[in-house]
Amino acid sequence: MPNTISKIRKRSGEIVACDEKKIALAIHKAAKAVGIDDEEMADRLALEVLELLNKKFHPNSIPAVEEIQDLVEEVLLKNRLIKIARGYILYREQHRQIRDINSDFGVKLMEDYLGQADWRLKENSNMSFSVQGLNNYIASSVSAKYWLNKLYPENIRQAHIQADLHIHDLGLLAPYCCGWDLKDLLTRGFGGVDEKVWSKPPKHFRAALGQMVNFLYTMQGEAAGAQAFANFDTYLAPLIRRDQLSYKEVKQALQEFVFNLNVPTRVGFQTPFTNVTLDVNPSPMIGEEQVIIGG
């Protein structure tokens, strides 16, 4: 059967020649990926694809590249080449992911941010329009693609893309909110990471608050949501007593603590998202513990 389809439409809209060799090459690559290296078979299957193409489309029509790829899958399955069909489907999916990621590295990503054209710029009210915000936007777009293409199953990815549901904070490949043990920080100090500064357990109230700030800053960089300490007043009270601080001095130290926590140090020029919990009624179990001062 003569081939009456001479042109195809690429995803970009460009019209190019319908090339039998490219169809055969794609089939051959899919076959090699599953351990079958047979160029003659790939050429024969490519001819079958062209025959099917000419049956399904009017002469001189211009099918889309996706329609030809669908026909390749149909021919592979008709010939009971299940392994190769799976390899070809995987090949298509991998190239779709590459196209998605590469398209985001183009000018459009920059223009969407600079022109404030993307609704996602408003998703986080703590994020300001800034150079750091731009950097975070670009990095977040890549992370979101990874979540959707590599980690979530196809039905969830499609539900998010089609707005059937919204998955929040796809921009960070990280856990969400985390609660931390203040007792552990006061007992062991702040450290545990090679080539980073280590701090011994604090012996004074202000030093403890400073270590808490550094700890929360650091852990905020490893998570998408809030970082929290519980039993804030219960565990810090012995340090206030040891330093013999007045009400005014404690208030001043806590004011500094709040101000320091609100410095925009987080990715995207945000303030860290932090929580501290006070004990209205301290746990009797903590009351039986030894006071922690300097470890």
C-alpha atoms as a PDB file:
ATOM      1  CA  MET A   1       0.000   0.000   0.000  1.00  0.00           C
ATOM      2  CA  PRO A   2       1.506   3.370  -1.014  1.00  0.00           C
ATOM      3  CA  ASN A   3       1.975   5.876   1.774  1.00  0.00           C
ATOM      4  CA  THR A   4      -0.371   8.835   1.274  1.00  0.00           C
ATOM      5  CA  ILE A   5       0.528  10.517   4.569  1.00  0.00           C
ATOM      6  CA  SER A   6       3.564  12.685   3.912  1.00  0.00           C
ATOM      7  CA  LYS A   7       3.361  15.145   6.824  1.00  0.00           C
ATOM      8  CA  ILE A   8       2.836  15.002  10.589  1.00  0.00           C
ATOM      9  CA  ARG A   9       2.278  17.693  13.192  1.00  0.00           C
ATOM     10  CA  LYS A  10       4.761  17.903  16.083  1.00  0.00           C
ATOM     11  CA  ARG A  11       3.722  18.950  19.614  1.00  0.00           C
ATOM     12  CA  SER A  12       5.038  22.442  18.913  1.00  0.00           C
ATOM     13  CA  GLY A  13       2.674  22.734  15.952  1.00  0.00           C
ATOM     14  CA  GLU A  14       5.499  22.455  13.425  1.00  0.00           C
ATOM     15  CA  ILE A  15       4.696  20.411  10.290  1.00  0.00           C
ATOM     16  CA  VAL A  16       7.447  17.943   9.341  1.00  0.00           C
ATOM     17  CA  ALA A  17       7.886  14.990   7.007  1.00  0.00           C
ATOM     18  CA  CYS A  18       6.432  11.633   8.025  1.00  0.00           C
ATOM     19  CA  ASP A  19       9.593   9.558   8.404  1.00  0.00           C
ATOM     20  CA  GLU A  20       9.294   5.766   8.481  1.00  0.00           C
ATOM     21  CA  LYS A  21      12.889   5.477   9.741  1.00  0.00           C
ATOM     22  CA  LYS A  22      12.089   7.503  12.874  1.00  0.00           C
ATOM     23  CA  ILE A  23       9.176   5.193  13.657  1.00  0.00           C
ATOM     24  CA  ALA A  24      11.432   2.149  13.234  1.00  0.00           C
ATOM     25  CA  LEU A  25      14.130   3.754  15.398  1.00  0.00           C
ATOM     26  CA  ALA A  26      11.677   4.412  18.242  1.00  0.00           C
ATOM     27  CA  ILE A  27      10.460   0.798  18.102  1.00  0.00           C
ATOM     28  CA  HIS A  28      14.042  -0.477  18.011  1.00  0.00           C
ATOM     29  CA  LYS A  29      14.975   1.595  21.083  1.00  0.00           C
ATOM     30  CA  ALA A  30      11.963   0.284  22.984  1.00  0.00           C
ATOM     31  CA  ALA A  31      12.867  -3.291  22.031  1.00  0.00           C
ATOM     32  CA  LYS A  32      16.512  -2.860  23.058  1.00  0.00           C
ATOM     33  CA  ALA A  33      15.369  -1.505  26.407  1.00  0.00           C
ATOM     34  CA  VAL A  34      13.789  -4.901  27.144  1.00  0.00           C
ATOM     35  CA  GLY A  35      16.694  -6.937  25.753  1.00  0.00           C
ATOM     36  CA  ILE A  36      15.537  -7.469  22.127  1.00  0.00           C
ATOM     37  CA  ASP A  37      17.946  -6.112  19.488  1.00  0.00           C
ATOM     38  CA  ASP A  38      16.270  -6.754  16.124  1.00  0.00           C
ATOM     39  CA  GLU A  39      16.396  -3.952  13.540  1.00  0.00           C
ATOM     40  CA  GLU A  40      14.621  -6.006  10.853  1.00  0.00           C
ATOM     41  CA  MET A  41      11.673  -6.581  13.172  1.00  0.00           C
ATOM     42  CA  ALA A  42      11.552  -2.847  13.956  1.00  0.00           C
ATOM     43  CA  ASP A  43      11.535  -2.017  10.215  1.00  0.00           C
ATOM     44  CA  ARG A  44       8.727  -4.522   9.585  1.00  0.00           C
ATOM     45  CA  LEU A  45       6.638  -3.144  12.446  1.00  0.00           C
ATOM     46  CA  ALA A  46       7.202   0.417  11.209  1.00  0.00           C
ATOM     47  CA  LEU A  47       5.733  -0.625   7.833  1.00  0.00           C
ATOM     48  CA  GLU A  48       2.689  -2.038   9.634  1.00  0.00           C
ATOM     49  CA  VAL A  49       2.299   1.277  11.453  1.00  0.00           C
ATOM     50  CA  LEU A  50       2.336   3.147   8.127  1.00  0.00           C
ATOM     51  CA  GLU A  51      -0.237   0.750   6.644  1.00  0.00           C
ATOM     52  CA  LEU A  52      -2.517   1.305   9.627  1.00  0.00           C
ATOM     53  CA  LEU A  53      -1.914   5.050   9.400  1.00  0.00           C
ATOM     54  CA  ASN A  54      -3.052   5.099   5.772  1.00  0.00           C
ATOM     55  CA  LYS A  55      -6.170   3.085   6.623  1.00  0.00           C
ATOM     56  CA  LYS A  56      -7.234   5.351   9.470  1.00  0.00           C
ATOM     57  CA  PHE A  57      -6.462   8.760   7.952  1.00  0.00           C
ATOM     58  CA  HIS A  58      -7.579  10.379   4.725  1.00  0.00           C
ATOM     59  CA  PRO A  59      -4.919  10.888   2.055  1.00  0.00           C
ATOM     60  CA  ASN A  60      -2.832  14.019   2.566  1.00  0.00           C
ATOM     61  CA  SER A  61      -4.215  14.580   6.065  1.00  0.00           C
ATOM     62  CA  ILE A  62      -1.741  15.607   8.781  1.00  0.00           C
ATOM     63  CA  PRO A  63      -1.942  13.427  11.907  1.00  0.00           C
ATOM     64  CA  ALA A  64      -0.373  14.487  15.190  1.00  0.00           C
ATOM     65  CA  VAL A  65       2.749  12.748  16.451  1.00  0.00           C
ATOM     66  CA  GLU A  66       0.774  11.409  19.457  1.00  0.00           C
ATOM     67  CA  GLU A  67      -1.657   9.690  17.078  1.00  0.00           C
ATOM     68  CA  ILE A  68       1.206   7.893  15.349  1.00  0.00           C
ATOM     69  CA  GLN A  69       2.615   6.831  18.714  1.00  0.00           C
ATOM     70  CA  ASP A  70      -0.801   5.421  19.620  1.00  0.00           C
ATOM     71  CA  LEU A  71      -0.704   3.378  16.402  1.00  0.00           C
ATOM     72  CA  VAL A  72       2.747   2.042  17.294  1.00  0.00           C
ATOM     73  CA  GLU A  73       1.347   0.745  20.586  1.00  0.00           C
ATOM     74  CA  GLU A  74      -1.611  -0.782  18.737  1.00  0.00           C
ATOM     75  CA  VAL A  75       0.680  -2.612  16.278  1.00  0.00           C
ATOM     76  CA  LEU A  76       2.933  -3.920  19.043  1.00  0.00           C
ATOM     77  CA  LEU A  77      -0.027  -5.280  20.989  1.00  0.00           C
ATOM     78  CA  LYS A  78      -1.608  -6.779  17.848  1.00  0.00           C
ATOM     79  CA  ASN A  79       1.652  -8.687  17.273  1.00  0.00           C
ATOM     80  CA  ARG A  80       1.594  -9.867  20.916  1.00  0.00           C
ATOM     81  CA  LEU A  81       4.888  -8.091  21.608  1.00  0.00           C
ATOM     82  CA  ILE A  82       3.835  -7.252  25.147  1.00  0.00           C
ATOM     83  CA  LYS A  83       7.334  -6.649  26.545  1.00  0.00           C
ATOM     84  CA  ILE A  84       8.219  -4.281  23.711  1.00  0.00           C
ATOM     85  CA  ALA A  85       4.858  -2.519  24.048  1.00  0.00           C
ATOM     86  CA  ARG A  86       5.570  -1.923  27.719  1.00  0.00           C
ATOM     87  CA  GLY A  87       9.038  -0.666  26.833  1.00  0.00           C
ATOM     88  CA  TYR A  88       7.560   1.692  24.238  1.00  0.00           C
ATOM     89  CA  ILE A  89       4.954   3.028  26.668  1.00  0.00           C
ATOM     90  CA  LEU A  90       7.739   3.621  29.201  1.00  0.00           C
ATOM     91  CA  TYR A  91       9.821   5.280  26.462  1.00  0.00           C
ATOM     92  CA  ARG A  92       6.938   7.660  25.693  1.00  0.00           C
ATOM     93  CA  GLU A  93       6.401   8.466  29.361  1.00  0.00           C
ATOM     94  CA  GLN A  94      10.095   9.170  29.979  1.00  0.00           C
ATOM     95  CA  HIS A  95      10.241  11.521  27.009  1.00  0.00           C
ATOM     96  CA  ARG A  96       7.078  13.259  28.168  1.00  0.00           C
ATOM     97  CA  GLN A  97       8.733  13.885  31.536  1.00  0.00           C
ATOM     98  CA  ILE A  98      11.887  15.196  29.850  1.00  0.00           C
ATOM     99  CA  ARG A  99       9.786  17.562  27.725  1.00  0.00           C
ATOM    100  CA  ASP A 100       7.911  18.793  30.791  1.00  0.00           C
ATOM    101  CA  ILE A 101      11.111  19.519  32.711  1.00  0.00           C
ATOM    102  CA  ASN A 102      12.943  21.067  29.756  1.00  0.00           C
ATOM    103  CA  SER A 103      10.026  23.354  28.967  1.00  0.00           C
ATOM    104  CA  ASP A 104      10.190  24.739  32.504  1.00  0.00           C
ATOM    105  CA  PHE A 105      13.805  25.755  32.053  1.00  0.00           C
ATOM    106  CA  GLY A 106      12.817  28.074  29.242  1.00  0.00           C
ATOM    107  CA  VAL A 107      12.041  31.745  29.191  1.00  0.00           C
ATOM    108  CA  LYS A 108       8.391  31.141  30.095  1.00  0.00           C
ATOM    109  CA  LEU A 109       9.201  30.124  33.672  1.00  0.00           C
ATOM    110  CA  MET A 110      11.084  33.367  34.258  1.00  0.00           C
ATOM    111  CA  GLU A 111       8.400  35.454  32.581  1.00  0.00           C
ATOM    112  CA  ASP A 112       5.597  33.852  34.591  1.00  0.00           C
ATOM    113  CA  TYR A 113       7.313  34.932  37.806  1.00  0.00           C
ATOM    114  CA  LEU A 114       8.457  38.385  36.683  1.00  0.00           C
ATOM    115  CA  GLY A 115       5.030  39.109  35.216  1.00  0.00           C
ATOM    116  CA  GLN A 116       3.324  37.568  38.275  1.00  0.00           C
ATOM    117  CA  ALA A 117       1.215  35.524  35.875  1.00  0.00           C
ATOM    118  CA  ASP A 118       1.230  32.265  37.847  1.00  0.00           C
ATOM    119  CA  TRP A 119      -1.420  31.840  40.581  1.00  0.00           C
ATOM    120  CA  ARG A 120       1.094  29.789  42.585  1.00  0.00           C
ATOM    121  CA  LEU A 121       2.887  33.016  43.483  1.00  0.00           C
ATOM    122  CA  LYS A 122      -0.047  33.686  45.831  1.00  0.00           C
ATOM    123  CA  GLU A 123      -0.142  30.166  47.304  1.00  0.00           C
ATOM    124  CA  ASN A 124       2.256  31.081  50.122  1.00  0.00           C
ATOM    125  CA  SER A 125       1.393  34.368  51.835  1.00  0.00           C
ATOM    126  CA  ASN A 126       4.805  34.413  53.559  1.00  0.00           C
ATOM    127  CA  MET A 127       6.674  34.559  50.257  1.00  0.00           C
ATOM    128  CA  SER A 128       7.575  38.011  48.981  1.00  0.00           C
ATOM    129  CA  PHE A 129       8.200  39.025  45.368  1.00  0.00           C
ATOM    130  CA  SER A 130      12.000  39.085  45.328  1.00  0.00           C
ATOM    131  CA  VAL A 131      15.134  37.577  43.814  1.00  0.00           C
ATOM    132  CA  GLN A 132      15.016  34.850  46.469  1.00  0.00           C
ATOM    133  CA  GLY A 133      11.366  34.320  45.632  1.00  0.00           C
ATOM    134  CA  LEU A 134      12.304  33.879  41.968  1.00  0.00           C
ATOM    135  CA  ASN A 135      15.000  31.334  42.834  1.00  0.00           C
ATOM    136  CA  ASN A 136      12.559  29.408  45.001  1.00  0.00           C
ATOM    137  CA  TYR A 137       9.887  29.501  42.282  1.00  0.00           C
ATOM    138  CA  ILE A 138      12.229  27.927  39.735  1.00  0.00           C
ATOM    139  CA  ALA A 139      13.476  25.242  42.141  1.00  0.00           C
ATOM    140  CA  SER A 140       9.940  24.545  43.361  1.00  0.00           C
ATOM    141  CA  SER A 141       8.690  24.034  39.811  1.00  0.00           C
ATOM    142  CA  VAL A 142      11.289  21.307  39.269  1.00  0.00           C
ATOM    143  CA  SER A 143      10.469  19.627  42.600  1.00  0.00           C
ATOM    144  CA  ALA A 144       6.755  19.686  41.795  1.00  0.00           C
ATOM    145  CA  LYS A 145       7.437  17.926  38.492  1.00  0.00           C
ATOM    146  CA  TYR A 146       9.425  15.257  40.350  1.00  0.00           C
ATOM    147  CA  TRP A 147       6.632  14.679  42.883  1.00  0.00           C
ATOM    148  CA  LEU A 148       4.009  14.359  40.154  1.00  0.00           C
ATOM    149  CA  ASN A 149       6.018  12.342  37.628  1.00  0.00           C
ATOM    150  CA  LYS A 150       8.102  10.082  39.860  1.00  0.00           C
ATOM    151  CA  LEU A 151       6.424   9.681  43.243  1.00  0.00           C
ATOM    152  CA  TYR A 152       2.663  10.012  42.855  1.00  0.00           C
ATOM    153  CA  PRO A 153       0.730   7.409  40.816  1.00  0.00           C
ATOM    154  CA  GLU A 154      -0.736   8.442  37.475  1.00  0.00           C
ATOM    155  CA  ASN A 155      -4.322   8.820  38.732  1.00  0.00           C
ATOM    156  CA  ILE A 156      -3.209  11.248  41.464  1.00  0.00           C
ATOM    157  CA  ARG A 157      -1.036  13.204  39.017  1.00  0.00           C
ATOM    158  CA  GLN A 158      -3.931  13.581  36.599  1.00  0.00           C
ATOM    159  CA  ALA A 159      -6.335  14.569  39.387  1.00  0.00           C
ATOM    160  CA  HIS A 160      -3.962  17.362  40.434  1.00  0.00           C
ATOM    161  CA  ILE A 161      -3.320  18.575  36.868  1.00  0.00           C
ATOM    162  CA  GLN A 162      -7.056  18.588  36.068  1.00  0.00           C
ATOM    163  CA  ALA A 163      -7.823  20.426  39.347  1.00  0.00           C
ATOM    164  CA  ASP A 164      -9.970  17.638  40.775  1.00  0.00           C
ATOM    165  CA  LEU A 165      -7.815  18.054  43.885  1.00  0.00           C
ATOM    166  CA  HIS A 166      -4.902  20.257  44.927  1.00  0.00           C
ATOM    167  CA  ILE A 167      -1.712  18.891  46.473  1.00  0.00           C
ATOM    168  CA  HIS A 168      -0.179  21.611  48.631  1.00  0.00           C
ATOM    169  CA  ASP A 169       3.573  22.287  48.906  1.00  0.00           C
ATOM    170  CA  LEU A 170       4.750  20.202  45.971  1.00  0.00           C
ATOM    171  CA  GLY A 171       7.668  22.614  45.706  1.00  0.00           C
ATOM    172  CA  LEU A 172       9.723  20.873  48.383  1.00  0.00           C
ATOM    173  CA  LEU A 173      10.871  17.262  48.338  1.00  0.00           C
ATOM    174  CA  ALA A 174      10.667  17.158  52.115  1.00  0.00           C
ATOM    175  CA  PRO A 175       8.467  16.215  55.090  1.00  0.00           C
ATOM    176  CA  TYR A 176       5.790  18.641  56.241  1.00  0.00           C
ATOM    177  CA  CYS A 177       5.455  19.735  59.911  1.00  0.00           C
ATOM    178  CA  CYS A 178       7.837  18.387  62.573  1.00  0.00           C
ATOM    179  CA  GLY A 179       7.786  18.434  66.362  1.00  0.00           C
ATOM    180  CA  TRP A 180      11.112  18.335  68.212  1.00  0.00           C
ATOM    181  CA  ASP A 181      12.173  17.378  71.720  1.00  0.00           C
ATOM    182  CA  LEU A 182      13.381  20.434  73.642  1.00  0.00           C
ATOM    183  CA  LYS A 183      14.681  18.147  76.370  1.00  0.00           C
ATOM    184  CA  ASP A 184      17.019  16.510  73.852  1.00  0.00           C
ATOM    185  CA  LEU A 185      18.395  19.883  72.713  1.00  0.00           C
ATOM    186  CA  LEU A 186      19.016  20.996  76.316  1.00  0.00           C
ATOM    187  CA  THR A 187      20.649  17.665  77.145  1.00  0.00           C
ATOM    188  CA  ARG A 188      22.840  17.122  74.093  1.00  0.00           C
ATOM    189  CA  GLY A 189      23.275  20.580  72.603  1.00  0.00           C
ATOM    190  CA  PHE A 190      23.005  21.368  68.909  1.00  0.00           C
ATOM    191  CA  GLY A 191      25.150  19.286  66.557  1.00  0.00           C
ATOM    192  CA  GLY A 192      25.321  15.958  64.821  1.00  0.00           C
ATOM    193  CA  VAL A 193      26.238  17.147  61.313  1.00  0.00           C
ATOM    194  CA  ASP A 194      29.829  16.833  60.136  1.00  0.00           C
ATOM    195  CA  GLU A 195      31.614  20.009  59.007  1.00  0.00           C
ATOM    196  CA  LYS A 196      29.030  22.183  60.751  1.00  0.00           C
ATOM    197  CA  VAL A 197      29.333  24.147  63.981  1.00  0.00           C
ATOM    198  CA  TRP A 198      28.409  22.167  67.111  1.00  0.00           C
ATOM    199  CA  SER A 199      27.132  23.762  70.321  1.00  0.00           C
ATOM    200  CA  LYS A 200      27.369  22.191  73.767  1.00  0.00           C
ATOM    201  CA  PRO A 201      24.237  22.085  75.953  1.00  0.00           C
ATOM    202  CA  PRO A 202      23.307  25.629  77.098  1.00  0.00           C
ATOM    203  CA  LYS A 203      23.902  26.718  80.687  1.00  0.00           C
ATOM    204  CA  HIS A 204      21.967  29.999  80.561  1.00  0.00           C
ATOM    205  CA  PHE A 205      18.491  31.126  79.540  1.00  0.00           C
ATOM    206  CA  ARG A 206      19.555  33.392  76.663  1.00  0.00           C
ATOM    207  CA  ALA A 207      21.973  30.757  75.330  1.00  0.00           C
ATOM    208  CA  ALA A 208      19.140  28.201  75.302  1.00  0.00           C
ATOM    209  CA  LEU A 209      16.880  30.588  73.385  1.00  0.00           C
ATOM    210  CA  GLY A 210      19.697  31.240  70.911  1.00  0.00           C
ATOM    211  CA  GLN A 211      20.210  27.521  70.327  1.00  0.00           C
ATOM    212  CA  MET A 212      16.471  27.086  69.817  1.00  0.00           C
ATOM    213  CA  VAL A 213      16.493  29.804  67.160  1.00  0.00           C
ATOM    214  CA  ASN A 214      19.440  28.185  65.355  1.00  0.00           C
ATOM    215  CA  PHE A 215      17.831  24.752  65.625  1.00  0.00           C
ATOM    216  CA  LEU A 216      14.485  25.925  64.233  1.00  0.00           C
ATOM    217  CA  TYR A 217      16.193  27.856  61.416  1.00  0.00           C
ATOM    218  CA  THR A 218      18.199  24.779  60.455  1.00  0.00           C
ATOM    219  CA  MET A 219      15.351  22.281  60.588  1.00  0.00           C
ATOM    220  CA  GLN A 220      13.031  24.638  58.711  1.00  0.00           C
ATOM    221  CA  GLY A 221      15.422  24.314  55.779  1.00  0.00           C
ATOM    222  CA  GLU A 222      14.753  20.559  55.727  1.00  0.00           C
ATOM    223  CA  ALA A 223      10.952  20.629  55.874  1.00  0.00           C
ATOM    224  CA  ALA A 224       7.999  22.239  54.137  1.00  0.00           C
ATOM    225  CA  GLY A 225       5.876  22.946  57.220  1.00  0.00           C
ATOM    226  CA  ALA A 226       6.188  24.250  60.754  1.00  0.00           C
ATOM    227  CA  GLN A 227       8.922  23.296  63.220  1.00  0.00           C
ATOM    228  CA  ALA A 228       7.769  23.046  66.824  1.00  0.00           C
ATOM    229  CA  PHE A 229       8.972  22.694  70.407  1.00  0.00           C
ATOM    230  CA  ALA A 230       6.663  21.631  73.252  1.00  0.00           C
ATOM    231  CA  ASN A 231       7.080  22.141  77.039  1.00  0.00           C
ATOM    232  CA  PHE A 232       8.747  25.488  76.294  1.00  0.00           C
ATOM    233  CA  ASP A 233       8.234  27.146  79.686  1.00  0.00           C
ATOM    234  CA  THR A 234       8.600  23.974  81.756  1.00  0.00           C
ATOM    235  CA  TYR A 235      12.050  23.029  80.478  1.00  0.00           C
ATOM    236  CA  LEU A 236      13.397  26.604  80.394  1.00  0.00           C
ATOM    237  CA  ALA A 237      12.186  27.628  83.880  1.00  0.00           C
ATOM    238  CA  PRO A 238      15.220  26.095  85.691  1.00  0.00           C
ATOM    239  CA  LEU A 239      17.569  28.250  83.578  1.00  0.00           C
ATOM    240  CA  ILE A 240      15.650  31.390  84.555  1.00  0.00           C
ATOM    241  CA  ARG A 241      15.971  30.423  88.209  1.00  0.00           C
ATOM    242  CA  ARG A 242      19.681  29.634  87.860  1.00  0.00           C
ATOM    243  CA  ASP A 243      20.387  33.003  86.202  1.00  0.00           C
ATOM    244  CA  GLN A 244      18.197  34.727  88.830  1.00  0.00           C
ATOM    245  CA  LEU A 245      16.460  36.766  86.144  1.00  0.00           C
ATOM    246  CA  SER A 246      13.819  39.358  86.918  1.00  0.00           C
ATOM    247  CA  TYR A 247      10.447  39.532  85.161  1.00  0.00           C
ATOM    248  CA  LYS A 248      11.741  42.422  83.035  1.00  0.00           C
ATOM    249  CA  GLU A 249      14.862  40.490  82.019  1.00  0.00           C
ATOM    250  CA  VAL A 250      12.858  37.406  81.062  1.00  0.00           C
ATOM    251  CA  LYS A 251      10.449  39.538  79.029  1.00  0.00           C
ATOM    252  CA  GLN A 252      13.356  41.205  77.216  1.00  0.00           C
ATOM    253  CA  ALA A 253      14.987  37.849  76.413  1.00  0.00           C
ATOM    254  CA  LEU A 254      11.704  36.469  75.064  1.00  0.00           C
ATOM    255  CA  GLN A 255      11.177  39.588  72.976  1.00  0.00           C
ATOM    256  CA  GLU A 256      14.606  39.041  71.413  1.00  0.00           C
ATOM    257  CA  PHE A 257      13.687  35.392  70.823  1.00  0.00           C
ATOM    258  CA  VAL A 258      10.508  36.358  68.946  1.00  0.00           C
ATOM    259  CA  PHE A 259      12.318  39.015  66.900  1.00  0.00           C
ATOM    260  CA  ASN A 260      15.109  36.590  65.968  1.00  0.00           C
ATOM    261  CA  LEU A 261      12.613  33.927  64.889  1.00  0.00           C
ATOM    262  CA  ASN A 262      11.002  36.398  62.495  1.00  0.00           C
ATOM    263  CA  VAL A 263      14.119  37.242  60.498  1.00  0.00           C
ATOM    264  CA  PRO A 264      13.459  36.218  56.853  1.00  0.00           C
ATOM    265  CA  THR A 265      16.087  33.486  56.583  1.00  0.00           C
ATOM    266  CA  ARG A 266      14.018  30.695  55.086  1.00  0.00           C
ATOM    267  CA  VAL A 267      14.132  29.748  51.407  1.00  0.00           C
ATOM    268  CA  GLY A 268      12.399  32.330  49.260  1.00  0.00           C
ATOM    269  CA  PHE A 269      13.094  35.102  51.810  1.00  0.00           C
ATOM    270  CA  GLN A 270      10.436  33.819  54.200  1.00  0.00           C
ATOM    271  CA  THR A 271      10.375  33.882  57.962  1.00  0.00           C
ATOM    272  CA  PRO A 272      10.641  30.364  59.429  1.00  0.00           C
ATOM    273  CA  PHE A 273       7.302  28.739  60.253  1.00  0.00           C
ATOM    274  CA  THR A 274       7.670  27.923  63.958  1.00  0.00           C
ATOM    275  CA  ASN A 275       5.526  26.943  66.948  1.00  0.00           C
ATOM    276  CA  VAL A 276       6.239  26.764  70.673  1.00  0.00           C
ATOM    277  CA  THR A 277       3.808  25.186  73.122  1.00  0.00           C
ATOM    278  CA  LEU A 278       3.426  26.347  76.728  1.00  0.00           C
ATOM    279  CA  ASP A 279       2.339  24.024  79.531  1.00  0.00           C
ATOM    280  CA  VAL A 280      -0.729  25.434  81.284  1.00  0.00           C
ATOM    281  CA  ASN A 281      -0.506  22.388  83.530  1.00  0.00           C
ATOM    282  CA  PRO A 282       2.999  20.850  83.415  1.00  0.00           C
ATOM    283  CA  SER A 283       3.124  17.087  83.075  1.00  0.00           C
ATOM    284  CA  PRO A 284       3.722  15.281  86.409  1.00  0.00           C
ATOM    285  CA  MET A 285       6.216  13.079  84.552  1.00  0.00           C
ATOM    286  CA  ILE A 286       8.419  16.090  83.778  1.00  0.00           C
ATOM    287  CA  GLY A 287       8.166  17.135  87.418  1.00  0.00           C
ATOM    288  CA  GLU A 288       9.920  13.907  88.389  1.00  0.00           C
ATOM    289  CA  GLU A 289      12.855  14.515  86.012  1.00  0.00           C
ATOM    290  CA  GLN A 290      16.197  16.057  86.918  1.00  0.00           C
ATOM    291  CA  VAL A 291      16.656  19.744  86.108  1.00  0.00           C
ATOM    292  CA  ILE A 292      18.639  20.172  82.854  1.00  0.00           C
ATOM    293  CA  ILE A 293      21.371  22.836  82.981  1.00  0.00           C
ATOM    294  CA  GLY A 294      24.383  22.429  80.711  1.00  0.00           C
ATOM    295  CA  GLY A 295      23.374  18.894  79.822  1.00  0.00           C
END
